[in-house]
Amino acid sequence: MGQPLIELQDLVFAWPGQAPLLDVPAFQLDAGEAVFLKGPSGSGKTTLLGLLGGVTVPERGHIRLLGQDLAGLGQGARDRFRVDHTGYIFQQFNLLPFLSVRENVELPCRFSASRKTRAEQRHGSVAQAAQTLLAHLGLDDSALQARRADSLSIGQQQRVAAARALIGQPELVIADEPTSALDADTREAFISLLFAECRAAGASLLFVSHDQSLAPLFDRHLSLAELNRAAKPREV
């Protein structure tokens, strides 16, 4: 069996002055695996995703992505490693409002040579890769693609954020409540594209959602409480 894509060991995280929010003895995500993660608001799901993406570092313990311990990298190196290997669909989208739709989608390829190369190899150019992803998400209108990102509806912004995460075939796709603003038809197209792109890239998918109806689509589904000792009442 090959090395897991993600491996957590004895991870503990607390915000300053607060009790530990996360205490995860062990978790791994295999290459090509799709995992559905659920948990109530405030349980630490988004914090865990930030740790897995190298946005923050644990108080103690290890987070290894592709064998690299993220806590062993400085902030700049973590940022570079994240953009090379991780596509992140943020809950609040985090689009750059002053850039166009197309420019937002192409942004990872401006910062990552490896994702730029993969986009060019698969689609011929970064522009064509962006166009293909947007078209699959129902955003194929060229006038819309030229508009500023902050002029779009919430549902449109969510789809742009997904296209940006998927461009250049990152090995890990992290999705934080990615379907919350989508209607049923758009959600179905979104989920189909997400799985298709991850399969094409051999990428792993970690998908956080309250929508339990989506869980059977995944290889594995679990709740954060199953992983997190900090969420369990302590014995006395």
C-alpha atoms as a PDB file:
ATOM      1  CA  MET A   1       0.000   0.000   0.000  1.00  0.00           C
ATOM      2  CA  GLY A   2       1.350   3.433  -0.911  1.00  0.00           C
ATOM      3  CA  GLN A   3       1.896   6.395   1.330  1.00  0.00           C
ATOM      4  CA  PRO A   4      -1.299   8.204   2.355  1.00  0.00           C
ATOM      5  CA  LEU A   5      -1.792  11.622   0.819  1.00  0.00           C
ATOM      6  CA  ILE A   6      -2.576  13.145   4.218  1.00  0.00           C
ATOM      7  CA  GLU A   7      -1.531  11.772   7.578  1.00  0.00           C
ATOM      8  CA  LEU A   8      -2.317  13.351  10.964  1.00  0.00           C
ATOM      9  CA  GLN A   9      -0.651  12.208  14.173  1.00  0.00           C
ATOM     10  CA  ASP A  10      -1.386  13.507  17.692  1.00  0.00           C
ATOM     11  CA  LEU A  11      -2.647  16.848  16.370  1.00  0.00           C
ATOM     12  CA  VAL A  12      -3.677  19.419  18.983  1.00  0.00           C
ATOM     13  CA  PHE A  13      -4.880  22.939  18.202  1.00  0.00           C
ATOM     14  CA  ALA A  14      -6.232  25.688  20.461  1.00  0.00           C
ATOM     15  CA  TRP A  15      -6.938  29.331  19.809  1.00  0.00           C
ATOM     16  CA  PRO A  16      -4.976  31.627  22.183  1.00  0.00           C
ATOM     17  CA  GLY A  17      -6.356  31.562  25.715  1.00  0.00           C
ATOM     18  CA  GLN A  18      -8.902  28.835  24.946  1.00  0.00           C
ATOM     19  CA  ALA A  19      -9.218  25.121  25.618  1.00  0.00           C
ATOM     20  CA  PRO A  20      -8.147  22.792  22.801  1.00  0.00           C
ATOM     21  CA  LEU A  21     -10.603  22.851  19.914  1.00  0.00           C
ATOM     22  CA  LEU A  22      -9.011  19.889  18.151  1.00  0.00           C
ATOM     23  CA  ASP A  23      -7.310  16.818  19.603  1.00  0.00           C
ATOM     24  CA  VAL A  24      -6.990  14.279  16.785  1.00  0.00           C
ATOM     25  CA  PRO A  25      -4.898  11.182  17.586  1.00  0.00           C
ATOM     26  CA  ALA A  26      -4.831   9.908  14.008  1.00  0.00           C
ATOM     27  CA  PHE A  27      -6.404  10.428  10.592  1.00  0.00           C
ATOM     28  CA  GLN A  28      -5.345   9.642   7.068  1.00  0.00           C
ATOM     29  CA  LEU A  29      -6.695  10.306   3.601  1.00  0.00           C
ATOM     30  CA  ASP A  30      -5.474   7.991   0.866  1.00  0.00           C
ATOM     31  CA  ALA A  31      -4.526   9.076  -2.631  1.00  0.00           C
ATOM     32  CA  GLY A  32      -7.633   9.223  -4.804  1.00  0.00           C
ATOM     33  CA  GLU A  33     -10.017   8.816  -1.860  1.00  0.00           C
ATOM     34  CA  ALA A  34     -13.135  10.964  -1.396  1.00  0.00           C
ATOM     35  CA  VAL A  35     -14.160  11.585   2.222  1.00  0.00           C
ATOM     36  CA  PHE A  36     -17.287  13.335   3.500  1.00  0.00           C
ATOM     37  CA  LEU A  37     -16.831  15.070   6.873  1.00  0.00           C
ATOM     38  CA  LYS A  38     -19.718  16.409   8.928  1.00  0.00           C
ATOM     39  CA  GLY A  39     -19.977  18.244  12.226  1.00  0.00           C
ATOM     40  CA  PRO A  40     -22.033  20.998  13.859  1.00  0.00           C
ATOM     41  CA  SER A  41     -21.142  24.671  13.555  1.00  0.00           C
ATOM     42  CA  GLY A  42     -18.306  25.619  15.883  1.00  0.00           C
ATOM     43  CA  SER A  43     -16.968  22.061  16.121  1.00  0.00           C
ATOM     44  CA  GLY A  44     -13.667  22.925  14.432  1.00  0.00           C
ATOM     45  CA  LYS A  45     -14.250  21.664  10.880  1.00  0.00           C
ATOM     46  CA  THR A  46     -13.064  24.846   9.158  1.00  0.00           C
ATOM     47  CA  THR A  47     -10.114  25.070  11.568  1.00  0.00           C
ATOM     48  CA  LEU A  48      -9.129  21.505  10.688  1.00  0.00           C
ATOM     49  CA  LEU A  49      -9.300  22.307   6.977  1.00  0.00           C
ATOM     50  CA  GLY A  50      -7.089  25.351   7.533  1.00  0.00           C
ATOM     51  CA  LEU A  51      -4.540  23.148   9.270  1.00  0.00           C
ATOM     52  CA  LEU A  52      -4.635  20.583   6.458  1.00  0.00           C
ATOM     53  CA  GLY A  53      -4.109  23.369   3.937  1.00  0.00           C
ATOM     54  CA  GLY A  54      -1.156  24.778   5.874  1.00  0.00           C
ATOM     55  CA  VAL A  55      -2.941  28.071   6.511  1.00  0.00           C
ATOM     56  CA  THR A  56      -2.357  27.575  10.248  1.00  0.00           C
ATOM     57  CA  VAL A  57      -0.093  25.203  12.183  1.00  0.00           C
ATOM     58  CA  PRO A  58      -0.932  22.932  15.129  1.00  0.00           C
ATOM     59  CA  GLU A  59       0.085  23.554  18.713  1.00  0.00           C
ATOM     60  CA  ARG A  60       1.645  20.113  18.593  1.00  0.00           C
ATOM     61  CA  GLY A  61       1.548  16.999  16.465  1.00  0.00           C
ATOM     62  CA  HIS A  62       2.170  16.324  12.796  1.00  0.00           C
ATOM     63  CA  ILE A  63       0.320  17.010   9.553  1.00  0.00           C
ATOM     64  CA  ARG A  64       1.965  15.372   6.563  1.00  0.00           C
ATOM     65  CA  LEU A  65       0.839  16.102   3.019  1.00  0.00           C
ATOM     66  CA  LEU A  66       2.619  14.036   0.351  1.00  0.00           C
ATOM     67  CA  GLY A  67       5.086  13.084   3.079  1.00  0.00           C
ATOM     68  CA  GLN A  68       5.953  16.711   3.910  1.00  0.00           C
ATOM     69  CA  ASP A  69       5.386  17.774   7.530  1.00  0.00           C
ATOM     70  CA  LEU A  70       3.658  21.140   7.102  1.00  0.00           C
ATOM     71  CA  ALA A  71       4.657  22.387  10.555  1.00  0.00           C
ATOM     72  CA  GLY A  72       8.295  22.015   9.518  1.00  0.00           C
ATOM     73  CA  LEU A  73       7.913  24.661   6.812  1.00  0.00           C
ATOM     74  CA  GLY A  74       7.995  28.415   7.245  1.00  0.00           C
ATOM     75  CA  GLN A  75       4.973  30.506   6.290  1.00  0.00           C
ATOM     76  CA  GLY A  76       6.230  31.292   2.776  1.00  0.00           C
ATOM     77  CA  ALA A  77       7.183  27.691   2.066  1.00  0.00           C
ATOM     78  CA  ARG A  78       3.784  26.488   3.330  1.00  0.00           C
ATOM     79  CA  ASP A  79       2.061  28.976   1.031  1.00  0.00           C
ATOM     80  CA  ARG A  80       4.053  27.733  -1.967  1.00  0.00           C
ATOM     81  CA  PHE A  81       3.460  24.092  -1.057  1.00  0.00           C
ATOM     82  CA  ARG A  82      -0.282  24.727  -0.651  1.00  0.00           C
ATOM     83  CA  VAL A  83      -0.741  26.411  -4.024  1.00  0.00           C
ATOM     84  CA  ASP A  84       1.240  23.640  -5.764  1.00  0.00           C
ATOM     85  CA  HIS A  85      -0.661  20.739  -4.238  1.00  0.00           C
ATOM     86  CA  THR A  86      -4.000  21.894  -2.776  1.00  0.00           C
ATOM     87  CA  GLY A  87      -7.154  23.293  -4.321  1.00  0.00           C
ATOM     88  CA  TYR A  88      -9.235  24.954  -1.601  1.00  0.00           C
ATOM     89  CA  ILE A  89     -12.921  25.867  -1.984  1.00  0.00           C
ATOM     90  CA  PHE A  90     -13.405  28.311   0.878  1.00  0.00           C
ATOM     91  CA  GLN A  91     -16.746  28.659   2.641  1.00  0.00           C
ATOM     92  CA  GLN A  92     -16.627  32.431   1.998  1.00  0.00           C
ATOM     93  CA  PHE A  93     -15.185  31.875  -1.540  1.00  0.00           C
ATOM     94  CA  ASN A  94     -12.253  34.316  -1.023  1.00  0.00           C
ATOM     95  CA  LEU A  95     -12.383  35.544  -4.617  1.00  0.00           C
ATOM     96  CA  LEU A  96     -10.416  38.686  -5.414  1.00  0.00           C
ATOM     97  CA  PRO A  97     -13.211  41.191  -6.103  1.00  0.00           C
ATOM     98  CA  PHE A  98     -11.181  43.456  -8.394  1.00  0.00           C
ATOM     99  CA  LEU A  99     -10.245  40.608 -10.767  1.00  0.00           C
ATOM    100  CA  SER A 100     -12.503  39.177 -13.450  1.00  0.00           C
ATOM    101  CA  VAL A 101     -14.100  35.759 -13.189  1.00  0.00           C
ATOM    102  CA  ARG A 102     -11.555  34.310 -15.628  1.00  0.00           C
ATOM    103  CA  GLU A 103      -8.609  35.941 -13.840  1.00  0.00           C
ATOM    104  CA  ASN A 104      -9.759  34.506 -10.508  1.00  0.00           C
ATOM    105  CA  VAL A 105      -9.920  30.999 -11.931  1.00  0.00           C
ATOM    106  CA  GLU A 106      -6.478  31.293 -13.553  1.00  0.00           C
ATOM    107  CA  LEU A 107      -4.860  32.719 -10.405  1.00  0.00           C
ATOM    108  CA  PRO A 108      -3.360  29.453  -9.020  1.00  0.00           C
ATOM    109  CA  CYS A 109      -1.496  28.946 -12.296  1.00  0.00           C
ATOM    110  CA  ARG A 110       0.137  32.366 -11.884  1.00  0.00           C
ATOM    111  CA  PHE A 111       1.583  31.302  -8.538  1.00  0.00           C
ATOM    112  CA  SER A 112       2.292  27.631  -9.237  1.00  0.00           C
ATOM    113  CA  ALA A 113       4.447  26.523 -12.163  1.00  0.00           C
ATOM    114  CA  SER A 114       3.414  22.899 -11.653  1.00  0.00           C
ATOM    115  CA  ARG A 115      -0.317  23.669 -11.860  1.00  0.00           C
ATOM    116  CA  LYS A 116       0.289  25.892 -14.896  1.00  0.00           C
ATOM    117  CA  THR A 117       2.135  23.043 -16.609  1.00  0.00           C
ATOM    118  CA  ARG A 118      -0.590  20.509 -15.808  1.00  0.00           C
ATOM    119  CA  ALA A 119      -3.311  22.880 -17.083  1.00  0.00           C
ATOM    120  CA  GLU A 120      -1.396  23.408 -20.339  1.00  0.00           C
ATOM    121  CA  GLN A 121      -0.716  19.698 -20.807  1.00  0.00           C
ATOM    122  CA  ARG A 122      -4.373  18.770 -20.353  1.00  0.00           C
ATOM    123  CA  HIS A 123      -6.121  21.671 -22.076  1.00  0.00           C
ATOM    124  CA  GLY A 124      -3.500  23.343 -24.275  1.00  0.00           C
ATOM    125  CA  SER A 125      -3.460  26.584 -22.283  1.00  0.00           C
ATOM    126  CA  VAL A 126      -4.402  27.975 -18.888  1.00  0.00           C
ATOM    127  CA  ALA A 127      -7.114  30.084 -20.537  1.00  0.00           C
ATOM    128  CA  GLN A 128      -8.681  27.017 -22.128  1.00  0.00           C
ATOM    129  CA  ALA A 129      -8.521  25.127 -18.826  1.00  0.00           C
ATOM    130  CA  ALA A 130     -10.392  27.966 -17.117  1.00  0.00           C
ATOM    131  CA  GLN A 131     -12.938  28.148 -19.939  1.00  0.00           C
ATOM    132  CA  THR A 132     -13.605  24.389 -19.783  1.00  0.00           C
ATOM    133  CA  LEU A 133     -14.134  24.350 -16.022  1.00  0.00           C
ATOM    134  CA  LEU A 134     -16.410  27.387 -16.094  1.00  0.00           C
ATOM    135  CA  ALA A 135     -18.442  25.928 -18.959  1.00  0.00           C
ATOM    136  CA  HIS A 136     -18.985  22.691 -17.037  1.00  0.00           C
ATOM    137  CA  LEU A 137     -20.334  24.781 -14.166  1.00  0.00           C
ATOM    138  CA  GLY A 138     -22.775  26.686 -16.361  1.00  0.00           C
ATOM    139  CA  LEU A 139     -20.648  29.841 -16.571  1.00  0.00           C
ATOM    140  CA  ASP A 140     -19.642  29.659 -20.234  1.00  0.00           C
ATOM    141  CA  ASP A 141     -20.800  33.155 -21.209  1.00  0.00           C
ATOM    142  CA  SER A 142     -17.730  35.169 -22.264  1.00  0.00           C
ATOM    143  CA  ALA A 143     -19.248  38.464 -21.079  1.00  0.00           C
ATOM    144  CA  LEU A 144     -19.874  36.986 -17.630  1.00  0.00           C
ATOM    145  CA  GLN A 145     -16.317  35.628 -17.475  1.00  0.00           C
ATOM    146  CA  ALA A 146     -14.987  39.150 -18.101  1.00  0.00           C
ATOM    147  CA  ARG A 147     -17.001  40.691 -15.256  1.00  0.00           C
ATOM    148  CA  ARG A 148     -15.561  41.532 -11.848  1.00  0.00           C
ATOM    149  CA  ALA A 149     -16.037  38.675  -9.415  1.00  0.00           C
ATOM    150  CA  ASP A 150     -17.921  40.873  -6.931  1.00  0.00           C
ATOM    151  CA  SER A 151     -20.636  41.559  -9.522  1.00  0.00           C
ATOM    152  CA  LEU A 152     -21.803  37.934  -9.505  1.00  0.00           C
ATOM    153  CA  SER A 153     -24.511  36.284  -7.454  1.00  0.00           C
ATOM    154  CA  ILE A 154     -23.490  34.218  -4.420  1.00  0.00           C
ATOM    155  CA  GLY A 155     -24.171  30.977  -6.289  1.00  0.00           C
ATOM    156  CA  GLN A 156     -22.069  32.105  -9.249  1.00  0.00           C
ATOM    157  CA  GLN A 157     -19.207  33.105  -6.956  1.00  0.00           C
ATOM    158  CA  GLN A 158     -19.314  29.676  -5.345  1.00  0.00           C
ATOM    159  CA  ARG A 159     -18.912  28.003  -8.744  1.00  0.00           C
ATOM    160  CA  VAL A 160     -16.031  30.326  -9.691  1.00  0.00           C
ATOM    161  CA  ALA A 161     -14.312  29.390  -6.425  1.00  0.00           C
ATOM    162  CA  ALA A 162     -14.687  25.713  -7.343  1.00  0.00           C
ATOM    163  CA  ALA A 163     -13.196  26.219 -10.812  1.00  0.00           C
ATOM    164  CA  ARG A 164     -10.241  28.057  -9.256  1.00  0.00           C
ATOM    165  CA  ALA A 165      -9.647  25.167  -6.824  1.00  0.00           C
ATOM    166  CA  LEU A 166      -9.727  22.544  -9.579  1.00  0.00           C
ATOM    167  CA  ILE A 167      -7.548  24.206 -12.227  1.00  0.00           C
ATOM    168  CA  GLY A 168      -4.145  22.594 -12.695  1.00  0.00           C
ATOM    169  CA  GLN A 169      -5.174  19.284 -11.096  1.00  0.00           C
ATOM    170  CA  PRO A 170      -3.932  19.645  -7.504  1.00  0.00           C
ATOM    171  CA  GLU A 171      -3.414  16.366  -5.624  1.00  0.00           C
ATOM    172  CA  LEU A 172      -5.747  17.438  -2.802  1.00  0.00           C
ATOM    173  CA  VAL A 173      -9.077  19.240  -3.093  1.00  0.00           C
ATOM    174  CA  ILE A 174     -10.545  20.645   0.139  1.00  0.00           C
ATOM    175  CA  ALA A 175     -14.155  21.800  -0.019  1.00  0.00           C
ATOM    176  CA  ASP A 176     -15.729  23.703   2.889  1.00  0.00           C
ATOM    177  CA  GLU A 177     -19.558  23.736   2.524  1.00  0.00           C
ATOM    178  CA  PRO A 178     -19.191  24.153  -1.258  1.00  0.00           C
ATOM    179  CA  THR A 179     -22.859  23.600  -2.190  1.00  0.00           C
ATOM    180  CA  SER A 180     -24.541  25.836   0.393  1.00  0.00           C
ATOM    181  CA  ALA A 181     -25.571  28.529  -2.127  1.00  0.00           C
ATOM    182  CA  LEU A 182     -26.491  26.257  -5.043  1.00  0.00           C
ATOM    183  CA  ASP A 183     -29.935  25.192  -6.197  1.00  0.00           C
ATOM    184  CA  ALA A 184     -30.638  21.486  -6.781  1.00  0.00           C
ATOM    185  CA  ASP A 185     -29.829  21.413 -10.510  1.00  0.00           C
ATOM    186  CA  THR A 186     -26.637  23.442 -10.155  1.00  0.00           C
ATOM    187  CA  ARG A 187     -25.593  21.358  -7.148  1.00  0.00           C
ATOM    188  CA  GLU A 188     -25.875  18.159  -9.196  1.00  0.00           C
ATOM    189  CA  ALA A 189     -23.694  19.593 -11.985  1.00  0.00           C
ATOM    190  CA  PHE A 190     -21.217  20.893  -9.409  1.00  0.00           C
ATOM    191  CA  ILE A 191     -20.879  17.534  -7.642  1.00  0.00           C
ATOM    192  CA  SER A 192     -20.503  15.696 -10.962  1.00  0.00           C
ATOM    193  CA  LEU A 193     -17.698  18.036 -12.040  1.00  0.00           C
ATOM    194  CA  LEU A 194     -15.966  17.829  -8.666  1.00  0.00           C
ATOM    195  CA  PHE A 195     -15.841  14.035  -8.763  1.00  0.00           C
ATOM    196  CA  ALA A 196     -14.891  13.930 -12.449  1.00  0.00           C
ATOM    197  CA  GLU A 197     -12.013  16.380 -12.009  1.00  0.00           C
ATOM    198  CA  CYS A 198     -10.717  14.585  -8.929  1.00  0.00           C
ATOM    199  CA  ARG A 199     -10.839  11.237 -10.755  1.00  0.00           C
ATOM    200  CA  ALA A 200      -9.054  12.694 -13.801  1.00  0.00           C
ATOM    201  CA  ALA A 201      -6.279  14.073 -11.592  1.00  0.00           C
ATOM    202  CA  GLY A 202      -6.151  11.083  -9.228  1.00  0.00           C
ATOM    203  CA  ALA A 203      -6.800  13.683  -6.533  1.00  0.00           C
ATOM    204  CA  SER A 204      -8.093  13.143  -3.025  1.00  0.00           C
ATOM    205  CA  LEU A 205     -11.209  15.023  -1.933  1.00  0.00           C
ATOM    206  CA  LEU A 206     -12.065  16.134   1.590  1.00  0.00           C
ATOM    207  CA  PHE A 207     -15.586  17.534   1.541  1.00  0.00           C
ATOM    208  CA  VAL A 208     -17.211  19.222   4.548  1.00  0.00           C
ATOM    209  CA  SER A 209     -20.956  19.703   4.491  1.00  0.00           C
ATOM    210  CA  HIS A 210     -24.137  19.710   6.565  1.00  0.00           C
ATOM    211  CA  ASP A 211     -25.959  18.108   3.613  1.00  0.00           C
ATOM    212  CA  GLN A 212     -26.108  14.505   4.774  1.00  0.00           C
ATOM    213  CA  SER A 213     -27.861  13.457   1.532  1.00  0.00           C
ATOM    214  CA  LEU A 214     -24.495  13.752  -0.258  1.00  0.00           C
ATOM    215  CA  ALA A 215     -22.636  11.385   2.090  1.00  0.00           C
ATOM    216  CA  PRO A 216     -23.418   8.113   0.201  1.00  0.00           C
ATOM    217  CA  LEU A 217     -21.588   9.464  -2.868  1.00  0.00           C
ATOM    218  CA  PHE A 218     -18.248   9.301  -1.041  1.00  0.00           C
ATOM    219  CA  ASP A 219     -15.824   6.459  -0.355  1.00  0.00           C
ATOM    220  CA  ARG A 220     -16.010   7.178   3.354  1.00  0.00           C
ATOM    221  CA  HIS A 221     -18.086   9.453   5.550  1.00  0.00           C
ATOM    222  CA  LEU A 222     -17.435  10.355   9.153  1.00  0.00           C
ATOM    223  CA  SER A 223     -18.160  13.003  11.742  1.00  0.00           C
ATOM    224  CA  LEU A 224     -15.514  15.216  13.290  1.00  0.00           C
ATOM    225  CA  ALA A 225     -16.595  13.935  16.710  1.00  0.00           C
ATOM    226  CA  GLU A 226     -15.306  10.480  15.704  1.00  0.00           C
ATOM    227  CA  LEU A 227     -11.827  11.933  15.170  1.00  0.00           C
ATOM    228  CA  ASN A 228     -11.673  14.668  17.785  1.00  0.00           C
ATOM    229  CA  ARG A 229     -11.098  13.793  21.435  1.00  0.00           C
ATOM    230  CA  ALA A 230     -11.642  17.438  22.364  1.00  0.00           C
ATOM    231  CA  ALA A 231     -15.308  17.066  21.320  1.00  0.00           C
ATOM    232  CA  LYS A 232     -15.943  14.171  23.717  1.00  0.00           C
ATOM    233  CA  PRO A 233     -16.909  14.640  27.362  1.00  0.00           C
ATOM    234  CA  ARG A 234     -13.991  13.817  29.618  1.00  0.00           C
ATOM    235  CA  GLU A 235     -14.328  10.971  32.095  1.00  0.00           C
ATOM    236  CA  VAL A 236     -13.995  11.826  35.798  1.00  0.00           C
END
